[in-house]
């Protein structure tokens, strides 16, 4: 119904009035979209209380068998470098 009313309203306008009306509607839509984006960014920046968040527990860690002579520190370093390369390999 709203669409039909707007269509009738635009049909009664002169081309200049129609152009001005459409420009005004575009500006209003941009303004509304910008306000929504700013609100979304504001919500994302807001600090959360830990007790309010719905978090799932971390999975249980699995033991990894390492070759003889590998210390836990050495294995951790290898995993860290491998993960770094995996993340930034593109």
Protein backbone atom coordinates (compact mmCIF):
# COMPACT_ATOMS: atom_id res chain seq x y z
CA UNK A 1 0.00 0.00 0.00
CA UNK A 2 2.83 2.36 0.88
CA UNK A 3 4.52 1.63 -2.45
CA UNK A 4 1.33 2.42 -4.38
CA UNK A 5 0.86 5.70 -2.51
CA UNK A 6 4.44 6.71 -3.23
CA UNK A 7 4.07 5.75 -6.89
CA UNK A 8 0.94 7.92 -7.18
CA UNK A 9 2.70 10.78 -5.42
CA UNK A 10 5.65 10.58 -7.84
CA UNK A 11 3.34 10.44 -10.86
CA UNK A 12 1.85 13.80 -9.87
CA UNK A 13 5.28 15.46 -9.60
CA UNK A 14 7.14 17.37 -12.26
CA UNK A 15 10.46 15.87 -13.43
CA UNK A 16 12.42 18.41 -11.36
CA UNK A 17 10.37 17.70 -8.24
CA UNK A 18 10.73 13.95 -8.83
CA UNK A 19 14.52 14.26 -9.15
CA UNK A 20 14.72 16.35 -5.97
CA UNK A 21 12.48 13.88 -4.15
CA UNK A 22 14.60 10.89 -5.24
CA UNK A 23 17.81 12.67 -4.23
CA UNK A 24 16.31 13.41 -0.83
CA UNK A 25 15.30 9.75 -0.43
CA UNK A 26 18.83 8.62 -1.39
CA UNK A 27 20.37 10.98 1.15
CA UNK A 28 17.95 9.75 3.81
CA UNK A 29 18.81 6.12 3.00
CA UNK A 30 22.55 6.89 3.20
CA UNK A 31 22.04 8.62 6.53
CA UNK A 32 20.07 5.68 7.91
CA UNK A 33 22.66 3.19 6.68
CA UNK A 34 25.46 5.24 8.22
CA UNK A 35 23.62 5.37 11.55
CA UNK A 36 23.16 1.58 11.50
CA UNK A 37 26.85 1.08 10.74
CA UNK A 38 27.91 3.44 13.53
CA UNK A 39 25.60 1.65 15.97
CA UNK A 40 27.03 -1.72 14.92
CA UNK A 41 30.59 -0.47 15.41
CA UNK A 42 29.63 1.01 18.78
CA UNK A 43 28.17 -2.34 19.87
CA UNK A 44 31.32 -4.16 18.76
CA UNK A 45 33.58 -1.82 20.74
CA UNK A 46 31.52 -2.13 23.89
CA UNK A 47 33.22 -4.09 26.66
CA UNK A 48 31.52 -7.29 27.73
CA UNK A 49 31.30 -8.81 31.15
CA UNK A 50 32.67 -12.37 31.03
CA UNK A 51 29.71 -13.78 32.91
CA UNK A 52 27.28 -12.36 30.31
CA UNK A 53 28.86 -14.17 27.35
CA UNK A 54 27.59 -17.54 26.19
CA UNK A 55 30.85 -19.40 25.68
CA UNK A 56 31.43 -23.04 24.89
CA UNK A 57 34.15 -24.87 26.82
CA UNK A 58 37.51 -25.50 25.18
CA UNK A 59 38.02 -29.00 23.77
CA UNK A 60 40.21 -31.43 25.66
CA UNK A 61 43.83 -31.34 24.53
CA UNK A 62 45.12 -34.43 22.76
CA UNK A 63 48.57 -35.76 23.48
CA UNK A 64 50.88 -35.73 20.49
CA UNK A 65 53.51 -38.41 20.18
CA UNK A 66 56.91 -36.92 19.41
CA UNK A 67 60.08 -38.61 18.19
CA UNK A 68 62.80 -39.47 20.67
CA UNK A 69 64.93 -36.43 21.51
CA UNK A 70 62.20 -33.82 20.92
CA UNK A 71 61.64 -31.78 24.06
CA UNK A 72 58.31 -30.12 24.74
CA UNK A 73 59.89 -26.71 24.18
CA UNK A 74 61.33 -27.72 20.80
CA UNK A 75 58.02 -29.22 19.73
CA UNK A 76 56.20 -26.03 20.80
CA UNK A 77 58.60 -23.90 18.75
CA UNK A 78 58.08 -26.08 15.67
CA UNK A 79 54.30 -25.92 16.03
CA UNK A 80 54.42 -22.13 16.50
CA UNK A 81 56.50 -21.59 13.34
CA UNK A 82 54.32 -24.01 11.36
CA UNK A 83 51.14 -22.21 12.48
CA UNK A 84 52.67 -18.82 11.62
CA UNK A 85 53.58 -20.01 8.12
CA UNK A 86 50.12 -21.55 7.70
CA UNK A 87 48.38 -18.30 8.72
CA UNK A 88 50.42 -15.98 6.50
CA UNK A 89 51.04 -18.23 3.49
CA UNK A 90 48.25 -16.50 1.58
